C-alpha atoms as a PDB file:
ATOM      1  CA  MET A   1     106.551 122.479  98.363  1.00  0.00           C
ATOM      2  CA  ARG A   2     110.091 122.746  96.981  1.00  0.00           C
ATOM      3  CA  ASP A   3     109.582 126.483  96.317  1.00  0.00           C
ATOM      4  CA  ARG A   4     108.452 127.010  99.887  1.00  0.00           C
ATOM      5  CA  ILE A   5     111.467 125.093 101.201  1.00  0.00           C
ATOM      6  CA  ASN A   6     113.866 127.090  99.032  1.00  0.00           C
ATOM      7  CA  ASN A   7     112.341 130.381 100.194  1.00  0.00           C
ATOM      8  CA  GLU A   8     112.727 129.330 103.824  1.00  0.00           C
ATOM      9  CA  LEU A   9     116.339 128.331 103.244  1.00  0.00           C
ATOM     10  CA  GLN A  10     117.190 131.573 101.486  1.00  0.00           C
ATOM     11  CA  GLU A  11     115.762 133.611 104.354  1.00  0.00           C
ATOM     12  CA  SER A  12     117.820 131.619 106.864  1.00  0.00           C
ATOM     13  CA  GLU A  13     121.011 131.877 104.837  1.00  0.00           C
ATOM     14  CA  GLU A  14     120.599 135.662 104.826  1.00  0.00           C
ATOM     15  CA  HIS A  15     120.759 135.478 108.611  1.00  0.00           C
ATOM     16  CA  GLY A  16     124.000 133.506 108.476  1.00  0.00           C
ATOM     17  CA  ILE A  17     122.510 130.173 109.540  1.00  0.00           C
ATOM     18  CA  LEU A  18     123.548 126.957 107.811  1.00  0.00           C
ATOM     19  CA  THR A  19     120.198 125.515 106.792  1.00  0.00           C
ATOM     20  CA  ASP A  20     120.677 123.956 103.384  1.00  0.00           C
ATOM     21  CA  VAL A  21     118.564 120.917 102.565  1.00  0.00           C
ATOM     22  CA  ASP A  22     121.246 118.311 102.171  1.00  0.00           C
ATOM     23  CA  MET A  23     121.391 116.157  99.067  1.00  0.00           C
ATOM     24  CA  MET A  24     120.541 112.484  99.263  1.00  0.00           C
ATOM     25  CA  THR A  25     123.678 110.317  99.180  1.00  0.00           C
ATOM     26  CA  ASN A  26     124.075 106.559  98.906  1.00  0.00           C
ATOM     27  CA  GLU A  27     125.324 106.558 102.487  1.00  0.00           C
ATOM     28  CA  LYS A  28     122.218 108.317 103.804  1.00  0.00           C
ATOM     29  CA  TRP A  29     119.880 106.157 101.739  1.00  0.00           C
ATOM     30  CA  GLN A  30     121.558 103.018 103.088  1.00  0.00           C
ATOM     31  CA  ALA A  31     121.169 104.366 106.627  1.00  0.00           C
ATOM     32  CA  ILE A  32     117.425 104.801 106.013  1.00  0.00           C
ATOM     33  CA  ILE A  33     117.103 101.297 104.569  1.00  0.00           C
ATOM     34  CA  ASP A  34     119.040  99.793 107.498  1.00  0.00           C
ATOM     35  CA  ASN A  35     117.241 101.906 110.171  1.00  0.00           C
ATOM     36  CA  ASP A  36     120.742 102.830 111.324  1.00  0.00           C
ATOM     37  CA  ALA A  37     120.499 104.590 114.695  1.00  0.00           C
ATOM     38  CA  SER A  38     124.117 105.757 114.473  1.00  0.00           C
ATOM     39  CA  TYR A  39     122.946 108.379 111.948  1.00  0.00           C
ATOM     40  CA  ASN A  40     120.282 109.822 114.254  1.00  0.00           C
ATOM     41  CA  ASN A  41     120.716 113.592 114.691  1.00  0.00           C
ATOM     42  CA  GLN A  42     123.101 113.672 111.718  1.00  0.00           C
ATOM     43  CA  PHE A  43     120.144 114.109 109.397  1.00  0.00           C
ATOM     44  CA  PHE A  44     116.379 113.597 109.163  1.00  0.00           C
ATOM     45  CA  TYR A  45     114.337 112.409 106.215  1.00  0.00           C
ATOM     46  CA  ALA A  46     110.868 113.509 105.127  1.00  0.00           C
ATOM     47  CA  VAL A  47     108.428 111.742 102.802  1.00  0.00           C
ATOM     48  CA  LYS A  48     106.629 114.079 100.393  1.00  0.00           C
ATOM     49  CA  THR A  49     103.624 111.766  99.912  1.00  0.00           C
ATOM     50  CA  THR A  50     102.780 111.534 103.606  1.00  0.00           C
ATOM     51  CA  GLY A  51     103.979 114.893 104.970  1.00  0.00           C
ATOM     52  CA  ILE A  52     105.877 113.104 107.762  1.00  0.00           C
ATOM     53  CA  PHE A  53     109.571 113.246 108.728  1.00  0.00           C
ATOM     54  CA  CYS A  54     111.642 110.685 110.607  1.00  0.00           C
ATOM     55  CA  LYS A  55     114.933 109.745 112.176  1.00  0.00           C
ATOM     56  CA  PRO A  56     117.126 107.443 110.052  1.00  0.00           C
ATOM     57  CA  SER A  57     116.453 104.684 112.613  1.00  0.00           C
ATOM     58  CA  CYS A  58     112.677 104.733 112.074  1.00  0.00           C
ATOM     59  CA  LYS A  59     111.251 101.228 111.670  1.00  0.00           C
ATOM     60  CA  SER A  60     108.447 102.344 109.365  1.00  0.00           C
ATOM     61  CA  ARG A  61     108.090 101.040 105.832  1.00  0.00           C
ATOM     62  CA  ILE A  62     110.901 102.206 103.533  1.00  0.00           C
ATOM     63  CA  PRO A  63     109.586 105.004 101.290  1.00  0.00           C
ATOM     64  CA  LYS A  64     110.268 105.401  97.591  1.00  0.00           C
ATOM     65  CA  LYS A  65     113.602 107.140  97.186  1.00  0.00           C
ATOM     66  CA  GLU A  66     112.196 109.790  94.825  1.00  0.00           C
ATOM     67  CA  ASN A  67     109.701 110.868  97.526  1.00  0.00           C
ATOM     68  CA  VAL A  68     112.373 111.496 100.169  1.00  0.00           C
ATOM     69  CA  LEU A  69     113.847 114.850 101.186  1.00  0.00           C
ATOM     70  CA  ILE A  70     116.874 115.116 103.489  1.00  0.00           C
ATOM     71  CA  PHE A  71     117.106 117.762 106.230  1.00  0.00           C
ATOM     72  CA  LEU A  72     120.064 118.627 108.441  1.00  0.00           C
ATOM     73  CA  ASN A  73     117.838 119.114 111.473  1.00  0.00           C
ATOM     74  CA  ALA A  74     114.265 118.682 112.660  1.00  0.00           C
ATOM     75  CA  GLU A  75     113.616 122.422 112.736  1.00  0.00           C
ATOM     76  CA  LEU A  76     114.072 122.669 108.960  1.00  0.00           C
ATOM     77  CA  ALA A  77     111.680 119.798 108.375  1.00  0.00           C
ATOM     78  CA  LEU A  78     109.086 121.462 110.608  1.00  0.00           C
ATOM     79  CA  ARG A  79     109.525 124.789 108.803  1.00  0.00           C
ATOM     80  CA  ALA A  80     108.927 122.994 105.495  1.00  0.00           C
ATOM     81  CA  ASN A  81     105.535 121.933 106.934  1.00  0.00           C
ATOM     82  CA  PHE A  82     106.426 118.294 107.588  1.00  0.00           C
ATOM     83  CA  ARG A  83     105.084 116.696 110.761  1.00  0.00           C
ATOM     84  CA  PRO A  84     107.101 114.470 113.139  1.00  0.00           C
ATOM     85  CA  CYS A  85     106.618 110.714 112.875  1.00  0.00           C
ATOM     86  CA  LYS A  86     104.492 109.270 115.647  1.00  0.00           C
ATOM     87  CA  ARG A  87     106.620 106.142 115.815  1.00  0.00           C
ATOM     88  CA  CYS A  88     110.228 107.431 115.990  1.00  0.00           C
ATOM     89  CA  LYS A  89     109.427 110.901 117.458  1.00  0.00           C
ATOM     90  CA  PRO A  90     112.202 112.899 115.699  1.00  0.00           C
ATOM     91  CA  THR A  91     111.535 115.994 117.820  1.00  0.00           C
ATOM     92  CA  ASN A  92     111.079 113.897 120.975  1.00  0.00           C
ATOM     93  CA  ASP A  93     107.592 115.394 121.169  1.00  0.00           C
ATOM     94  CA  ARG A  94     104.364 113.517 120.584  1.00  0.00           C
ATOM     95  CA  LEU A  95     102.442 114.504 117.456  1.00  0.00           C
ATOM     96  CA  PRO A  96      98.905 115.487 118.532  1.00  0.00           C
ATOM     97  CA  ASP A  97      96.337 112.840 117.581  1.00  0.00           C
ATOM     98  CA  SER A  98      94.262 115.372 115.644  1.00  0.00           C
ATOM     99  CA  GLU A  99      97.232 116.302 113.419  1.00  0.00           C
ATOM    100  CA  TRP A 100      98.128 112.648 112.884  1.00  0.00           C
ATOM    101  CA  VAL A 101      94.578 111.777 111.855  1.00  0.00           C
ATOM    102  CA  ALA A 102      94.452 114.848 109.596  1.00  0.00           C
ATOM    103  CA  LEU A 103      97.515 113.545 107.728  1.00  0.00           C
ATOM    104  CA  ILE A 104      95.921 110.115 107.330  1.00  0.00           C
ATOM    105  CA  THR A 105      92.637 111.645 106.193  1.00  0.00           C
ATOM    106  CA  GLU A 106      94.427 113.754 103.592  1.00  0.00           C
ATOM    107  CA  TYR A 107      96.266 110.688 102.314  1.00  0.00           C
ATOM    108  CA  ILE A 108      92.993 108.739 101.950  1.00  0.00           C
ATOM    109  CA  ASN A 109      91.327 111.647 100.155  1.00  0.00           C
ATOM    110  CA  LYS A 110      94.138 111.767  97.591  1.00  0.00           C
ATOM    111  CA  ASN A 111      94.703 108.011  97.193  1.00  0.00           C
ATOM    112  CA  PHE A 112      91.300 106.360  97.661  1.00  0.00           C
ATOM    113  CA  ILE A 113      91.518 104.597  94.290  1.00  0.00           C
ATOM    114  CA  GLU A 114      94.473 102.559  95.582  1.00  0.00           C
ATOM    115  CA  LYS A 115      94.166  99.378  97.612  1.00  0.00           C
ATOM    116  CA  LEU A 116      93.997 100.761 101.149  1.00  0.00           C
ATOM    117  CA  THR A 117      93.953  98.510 104.201  1.00  0.00           C
ATOM    118  CA  LEU A 118      94.415  99.320 107.867  1.00  0.00           C
ATOM    119  CA  GLU A 119      97.898  97.767 107.684  1.00  0.00           C
ATOM    120  CA  THR A 120      98.798  99.853 104.610  1.00  0.00           C
ATOM    121  CA  LEU A 121      97.657 103.073 106.275  1.00  0.00           C
ATOM    122  CA  ALA A 122      99.453 102.195 109.508  1.00  0.00           C
ATOM    123  CA  ASN A 123     102.723 101.698 107.599  1.00  0.00           C
ATOM    124  CA  ILE A 124     102.286 104.969 105.722  1.00  0.00           C
ATOM    125  CA  ALA A 125     101.339 106.850 108.894  1.00  0.00           C
ATOM    126  CA  HIS A 126     104.150 105.266 110.944  1.00  0.00           C
ATOM    127  CA  GLY A 127     101.999 103.679 113.626  1.00  0.00           C
ATOM    128  CA  SER A 128     100.389 100.351 114.526  1.00  0.00           C
ATOM    129  CA  PRO A 129      97.088  99.225 112.922  1.00  0.00           C
ATOM    130  CA  TYR A 130      95.434  98.946 116.343  1.00  0.00           C
ATOM    131  CA  HIS A 131      96.494 102.423 117.448  1.00  0.00           C
ATOM    132  CA  LEU A 132      95.494 103.900 114.086  1.00  0.00           C
ATOM    133  CA  HIS A 133      92.048 102.298 114.218  1.00  0.00           C
ATOM    134  CA  ARG A 134      91.404 103.436 117.776  1.00  0.00           C
ATOM    135  CA  THR A 135      92.766 106.976 117.363  1.00  0.00           C
ATOM    136  CA  PHE A 136      91.074 107.605 114.020  1.00  0.00           C
ATOM    137  CA  LYS A 137      87.696 106.537 115.423  1.00  0.00           C
ATOM    138  CA  LYS A 138      88.200 108.715 118.500  1.00  0.00           C
ATOM    139  CA  ILE A 139      88.866 111.803 116.350  1.00  0.00           C
ATOM    140  CA  LYS A 140      86.562 111.210 113.366  1.00  0.00           C
ATOM    141  CA  GLY A 141      83.771 109.159 114.959  1.00  0.00           C
ATOM    142  CA  ILE A 142      84.185 106.406 112.339  1.00  0.00           C
ATOM    143  CA  THR A 143      86.879 103.843 111.585  1.00  0.00           C
ATOM    144  CA  PRO A 144      89.478 104.339 108.830  1.00  0.00           C
ATOM    145  CA  VAL A 145      87.788 101.617 106.740  1.00  0.00           C
ATOM    146  CA  GLU A 146      84.398 103.326 107.108  1.00  0.00           C
ATOM    147  CA  TYR A 147      85.965 106.636 106.085  1.00  0.00           C
ATOM    148  CA  ILE A 148      87.533 105.071 102.987  1.00  0.00           C
ATOM    149  CA  GLN A 149      84.136 103.630 102.047  1.00  0.00           C
ATOM    150  CA  GLN A 150      82.498 107.018 102.551  1.00  0.00           C
ATOM    151  CA  VAL A 151      85.051 108.780 100.326  1.00  0.00           C
ATOM    152  CA  ARG A 152      84.649 106.157  97.606  1.00  0.00           C
ATOM    153  CA  VAL A 153      80.855 106.290  97.667  1.00  0.00           C
ATOM    154  CA  ASN A 154      80.926 110.102  97.473  1.00  0.00           C
ATOM    155  CA  ALA A 155      83.279 109.904  94.488  1.00  0.00           C
ATOM    156  CA  ALA A 156      80.989 107.328  92.873  1.00  0.00           C
ATOM    157  CA  LYS A 157      78.031 109.698  93.259  1.00  0.00           C
ATOM    158  CA  GLU A 158      79.925 112.355  91.310  1.00  0.00           C
ATOM    159  CA  TYR A 159      80.705 109.891  88.519  1.00  0.00           C
ATOM    160  CA  LEU A 160      77.079 108.725  88.404  1.00  0.00           C
ATOM    161  CA  ILE A 161      75.774 112.283  88.158  1.00  0.00           C
ATOM    162  CA  HIS A 162      78.323 113.711  85.745  1.00  0.00           C
ATOM    163  CA  THR A 163      79.374 110.777  83.517  1.00  0.00           C
ATOM    164  CA  ASN A 164      77.873 107.863  81.618  1.00  0.00           C
ATOM    165  CA  LYS A 165      80.510 105.390  82.753  1.00  0.00           C
ATOM    166  CA  ALA A 166      79.351 101.786  83.074  1.00  0.00           C
ATOM    167  CA  ILE A 167      78.896 100.711  86.705  1.00  0.00           C
ATOM    168  CA  ALA A 168      81.780  98.218  86.510  1.00  0.00           C
ATOM    169  CA  ASP A 169      84.137 100.874  85.086  1.00  0.00           C
ATOM    170  CA  LEU A 170      82.989 103.389  87.647  1.00  0.00           C
ATOM    171  CA  ALA A 171      83.671 100.918  90.468  1.00  0.00           C
ATOM    172  CA  ILE A 172      87.286 100.602  89.297  1.00  0.00           C
ATOM    173  CA  CYS A 173      87.613 104.404  89.170  1.00  0.00           C
ATOM    174  CA  VAL A 174      86.771 104.693  92.876  1.00  0.00           C
ATOM    175  CA  GLY A 175      89.050 101.896  94.054  1.00  0.00           C
ATOM    176  CA  MET A 176      86.562  99.011  94.182  1.00  0.00           C
ATOM    177  CA  PRO A 177      87.247  96.697  91.232  1.00  0.00           C
ATOM    178  CA  ASN A 178      84.730  94.118  92.503  1.00  0.00           C
ATOM    179  CA  ALA A 179      81.544  95.518  90.930  1.00  0.00           C
ATOM    180  CA  SER A 180      79.162  93.373  92.925  1.00  0.00           C
ATOM    181  CA  TYR A 181      80.771  94.469  96.218  1.00  0.00           C
ATOM    182  CA  PHE A 182      80.660  98.075  95.049  1.00  0.00           C
ATOM    183  CA  ILE A 183      76.929  97.850  94.275  1.00  0.00           C
ATOM    184  CA  THR A 184      76.232  96.218  97.649  1.00  0.00           C
ATOM    185  CA  LEU A 185      78.223  98.843  99.552  1.00  0.00           C
ATOM    186  CA  PHE A 186      76.714 101.734  97.596  1.00  0.00           C
ATOM    187  CA  LYS A 187      73.178 100.531  98.374  1.00  0.00           C
ATOM    188  CA  LYS A 188      74.070 100.018 102.041  1.00  0.00           C
ATOM    189  CA  LYS A 189      75.415 103.582 102.289  1.00  0.00           C
ATOM    190  CA  THR A 190      72.792 105.393 100.191  1.00  0.00           C
ATOM    191  CA  GLY A 191      69.699 103.187 100.194  1.00  0.00           C
ATOM    192  CA  HIS A 192      69.833 102.888  96.391  1.00  0.00           C
ATOM    193  CA  THR A 193      71.779 100.900  93.824  1.00  0.00           C
ATOM    194  CA  PRO A 194      74.141 102.921  91.617  1.00  0.00           C
ATOM    195  CA  ALA A 195      71.736 102.530  88.684  1.00  0.00           C
ATOM    196  CA  GLN A 196      68.805 103.769  90.772  1.00  0.00           C
ATOM    197  CA  PHE A 197      70.861 106.717  92.043  1.00  0.00           C
ATOM    198  CA  ARG A 198      71.846 107.682  88.492  1.00  0.00           C
ATOM    199  CA  GLN A 199      68.235 107.492  87.325  1.00  0.00           C
ATOM    200  CA  MET A 200      67.035 109.606  90.265  1.00  0.00           C
ATOM    201  CA  SER A 201      69.711 112.210  89.492  1.00  0.00           C
ATOM    202  CA  LYS A 202      68.574 112.401  85.882  1.00  0.00           C
ATOM    203  CA  MET A 203      64.952 112.830  86.971  1.00  0.00           C
ATOM    204  CA  GLU A 204      65.931 115.690  89.287  1.00  0.00           C
ATOM    205  CA  LYS A 205      67.635 117.501  86.424  1.00  0.00           C
ATOM    206  CA  MET A 206      64.525 117.369  84.250  1.00  0.00           C
END
C-alpha cells in the first residue's frame, strides 16, 4: 500500500499540488487519543488494518500507533484506497452499506483466528454493534457471528483434509480453543464430526 501511496503523491507533486503524507507527530497522536475536534480538517488518520480513515475527533477505539497513516486531506486518503469512517464521516458523505460490510468481511477473513465478538468488530469498523449486526445481515443474509463460524468451519475443513493435526490443535488454529464447542459447531454446520469428516475425505481420495 505504501508504494501505491508514494506513486500517487509523486504524480500529484509533478502537477504542483502539495499532497505529501504528513509524518505522525506527538501532537497529532495526542489529538487522536483525545478525540480532539479542534484538529478536524487539519489532518485525517487512516488505519492500515481496517482500510478506514477518520477525523481526529472520531470516538472509535484508538488504533495501534504503528498501523496509523496521517493524511493532509480526505482526498489523499481516498486516493490511497482508504474508505471513510461510518461513525465520524470524514468526507461528510455516508459510506455505502455494501462497502462497509465488505471491509468487515475482509477483516474477518484475515483475522478469524482472533477472538472476534460483535463488540470487537463494531469498534474496528467504527459503528455500533446493533447497526453492524443489522446491516451485515441485510447485505450478507447472515449475521456477523454466523459468518465468522462459517469461515472457521471452512478453514477447519482444509486442515482436516490436508493435515494430520489433532482435533484440539486444529480447533485452536481456526480461532476456537474450546475443542468440545468446536466439535459441536462443526457437526451442526456440516452434519459430521471433524473426525468423521476427515475419515470421509480420506475415503474419497482412495
